[in-house]
C-alpha atoms as a PDB file:
ATOM      1  CA  MET A   1       7.773  23.847  14.554  1.00  0.00           C
ATOM      2  CA  GLN A   2       6.156  21.988  11.652  1.00  0.00           C
ATOM      3  CA  PRO A   3       4.731  18.502  12.195  1.00  0.00           C
ATOM      4  CA  SER A   4       7.018  15.837  10.771  1.00  0.00           C
ATOM      5  CA  ASN A   5       6.838  12.210   9.758  1.00  0.00           C
ATOM      6  CA  ASP A   6       9.279   9.286   9.805  1.00  0.00           C
ATOM      7  CA  LEU A   7      11.196  10.843   6.885  1.00  0.00           C
ATOM      8  CA  GLY A   8      12.168  13.705   9.179  1.00  0.00           C
ATOM      9  CA  VAL A   9      10.665  16.316   6.879  1.00  0.00           C
ATOM     10  CA  GLY A  10       7.762  18.652   7.459  1.00  0.00           C
ATOM     11  CA  LEU A  11       4.376  17.514   6.270  1.00  0.00           C
ATOM     12  CA  VAL A  12       3.687  20.914   4.738  1.00  0.00           C
ATOM     13  CA  ASN A  13       5.118  21.618   1.257  1.00  0.00           C
ATOM     14  CA  ARG A  14       6.585  18.129   0.788  1.00  0.00           C
ATOM     15  CA  ARG A  15       6.632  16.278  -2.540  1.00  0.00           C
ATOM     16  CA  LEU A  16       7.948  12.839  -3.467  1.00  0.00           C
ATOM     17  CA  PHE A  17       9.279  11.392  -6.695  1.00  0.00           C
ATOM     18  CA  THR A  18       7.953   7.947  -7.634  1.00  0.00           C
ATOM     19  CA  ASN A  19       9.775   5.001  -9.176  1.00  0.00           C
ATOM     20  CA  PRO A  20       8.994   4.692 -12.897  1.00  0.00           C
ATOM     21  CA  VAL A  21       7.596   1.415 -14.218  1.00  0.00           C
ATOM     22  CA  VAL A  22       8.647   0.619 -17.795  1.00  0.00           C
ATOM     23  CA  PRO A  23       8.250  -2.271 -20.249  1.00  0.00           C
ATOM     24  CA  ILE A  24      11.012  -4.887 -20.059  1.00  0.00           C
ATOM     25  CA  GLU A  25      12.148  -3.838 -23.546  1.00  0.00           C
ATOM     26  CA  VAL A  26      12.894  -0.319 -22.266  1.00  0.00           C
ATOM     27  CA  ALA A  27      14.711  -1.600 -19.164  1.00  0.00           C
ATOM     28  CA  THR A  28      17.065  -3.676 -21.329  1.00  0.00           C
ATOM     29  CA  THR A  29      18.274  -0.501 -23.083  1.00  0.00           C
ATOM     30  CA  LEU A  30      19.566   1.008 -19.815  1.00  0.00           C
ATOM     31  CA  PRO A  31      23.146   0.607 -18.560  1.00  0.00           C
ATOM     32  CA  ASP A  32      23.802  -2.655 -16.706  1.00  0.00           C
ATOM     33  CA  ASP A  33      24.368  -0.840 -13.392  1.00  0.00           C
ATOM     34  CA  ALA A  34      21.020   1.022 -13.528  1.00  0.00           C
ATOM     35  CA  PRO A  35      19.018  -0.136 -10.476  1.00  0.00           C
ATOM     36  CA  ARG A  36      15.898  -2.095 -11.407  1.00  0.00           C
ATOM     37  CA  PHE A  37      13.457  -4.265  -9.496  1.00  0.00           C
ATOM     38  CA  VAL A  38      10.650  -6.717 -10.110  1.00  0.00           C
ATOM     39  CA  ASP A  39       7.322  -4.899 -10.378  1.00  0.00           C
ATOM     40  CA  HIS A  40       5.452  -6.907  -7.720  1.00  0.00           C
ATOM     41  CA  GLU A  41       2.283  -4.865  -8.219  1.00  0.00           C
ATOM     42  CA  ALA A  42       1.982  -6.113 -11.811  1.00  0.00           C
ATOM     43  CA  GLY A  43       1.558  -9.786 -10.830  1.00  0.00           C
ATOM     44  CA  ASP A  44       3.360 -13.011 -11.692  1.00  0.00           C
ATOM     45  CA  ASN A  45       3.467 -12.543 -15.470  1.00  0.00           C
ATOM     46  CA  ALA A  46       4.671  -8.962 -15.345  1.00  0.00           C
ATOM     47  CA  GLN A  47       6.077  -7.510 -18.529  1.00  0.00           C
ATOM     48  CA  THR A  48       7.300  -4.440 -16.669  1.00  0.00           C
ATOM     49  CA  ILE A  49      10.282  -3.490 -14.511  1.00  0.00           C
ATOM     50  CA  LYS A  50      10.371  -0.889 -11.751  1.00  0.00           C
ATOM     51  CA  LEU A  51      13.326   1.497 -11.943  1.00  0.00           C
ATOM     52  CA  SER A  52      14.911   3.472  -9.122  1.00  0.00           C
ATOM     53  CA  ALA A  53      13.987   7.157  -9.238  1.00  0.00           C
ATOM     54  CA  ALA A  54      16.507   7.792  -6.438  1.00  0.00           C
ATOM     55  CA  GLY A  55      19.211   6.119  -8.523  1.00  0.00           C
ATOM     56  CA  PHE A  56      18.452   8.324 -11.543  1.00  0.00           C
ATOM     57  CA  ILE A  57      18.386  11.505  -9.428  1.00  0.00           C
ATOM     58  CA  ASP A  58      21.639  10.645  -7.659  1.00  0.00           C
ATOM     59  CA  HIS A  59      23.340   9.603 -10.922  1.00  0.00           C
ATOM     60  CA  ALA A  60      22.369  12.982 -12.411  1.00  0.00           C
ATOM     61  CA  GLY A  61      24.396  14.683  -9.652  1.00  0.00           C
ATOM     62  CA  PHE A  62      21.573  15.732  -7.336  1.00  0.00           C
ATOM     63  CA  HIS A  63      22.475  14.139  -4.011  1.00  0.00           C
ATOM     64  CA  LYS A  64      20.717  14.190  -0.619  1.00  0.00           C
ATOM     65  CA  GLY A  65      20.492  17.769   0.666  1.00  0.00           C
ATOM     66  CA  PHE A  66      21.003  19.406  -2.741  1.00  0.00           C
ATOM     67  CA  GLY A  67      19.157  22.688  -2.778  1.00  0.00           C
ATOM     68  CA  LEU A  68      18.658  25.816  -4.816  1.00  0.00           C
ATOM     69  CA  ASN A  69      19.096  29.163  -3.186  1.00  0.00           C
ATOM     70  CA  GLY A  70      19.735  31.221  -6.285  1.00  0.00           C
ATOM     71  CA  GLU A  71      23.332  30.145  -6.840  1.00  0.00           C
ATOM     72  CA  PRO A  72      24.639  27.053  -8.705  1.00  0.00           C
ATOM     73  CA  GLY A  73      25.523  24.064  -6.532  1.00  0.00           C
ATOM     74  CA  ALA A  74      23.865  25.450  -3.396  1.00  0.00           C
ATOM     75  CA  VAL A  75      23.248  22.879  -0.692  1.00  0.00           C
ATOM     76  CA  ASN A  76      20.397  23.084   1.810  1.00  0.00           C
ATOM     77  CA  GLY A  77      18.712  25.947  -0.013  1.00  0.00           C
ATOM     78  CA  ARG A  78      15.089  27.019   0.367  1.00  0.00           C
ATOM     79  CA  ALA A  79      13.876  24.333  -2.058  1.00  0.00           C
ATOM     80  CA  SER A  80      15.935  21.184  -1.729  1.00  0.00           C
ATOM     81  CA  LEU A  81      16.118  17.430  -1.706  1.00  0.00           C
ATOM     82  CA  SER A  82      15.723  15.959   1.743  1.00  0.00           C
ATOM     83  CA  ARG A  83      18.955  15.477   3.668  1.00  0.00           C
ATOM     84  CA  LYS A  84      17.789  11.917   4.432  1.00  0.00           C
ATOM     85  CA  HIS A  85      15.953  10.761   1.283  1.00  0.00           C
ATOM     86  CA  THR A  86      16.737  11.700  -2.319  1.00  0.00           C
ATOM     87  CA  LEU A  87      13.099  11.171  -3.357  1.00  0.00           C
ATOM     88  CA  ALA A  88      11.689  13.854  -1.064  1.00  0.00           C
ATOM     89  CA  LEU A  89      11.547  17.513  -2.094  1.00  0.00           C
ATOM     90  CA  THR A  90      11.325  19.987   0.752  1.00  0.00           C
ATOM     91  CA  ASN A  91      10.509  23.658   1.051  1.00  0.00           C
ATOM     92  CA  ARG A  92      12.603  25.053   3.869  1.00  0.00           C
ATOM     93  CA  GLY A  93      10.765  28.346   3.656  1.00  0.00           C
ATOM     94  CA  GLY A  94       9.951  30.851   0.962  1.00  0.00           C
ATOM     95  CA  ALA A  95      10.516  28.673  -2.116  1.00  0.00           C
ATOM     96  CA  THR A  96       7.871  29.093  -4.826  1.00  0.00           C
ATOM     97  CA  THR A  97       7.207  27.692  -8.280  1.00  0.00           C
END
């Protein structure tokens, strides 16, 4: 059994997507329902907005548990998104780049 963390995924072969930070001008060009947040790390006079990577991934049709196993639309394949968190990529064994 692999060690795991609070995400419920193995610590070996795990990758995470990060939320993009963009200038306010770019954020205003996105659809109104695109999730966006204040970029607290940028300080009080921030000219940037943090976007939701999970929102973009989900909107593109790749939901929690989506995986590739050699056939289109496979779920829970060898390389997949976590079943609990869209931002986590997992290798359930044998997936390579």
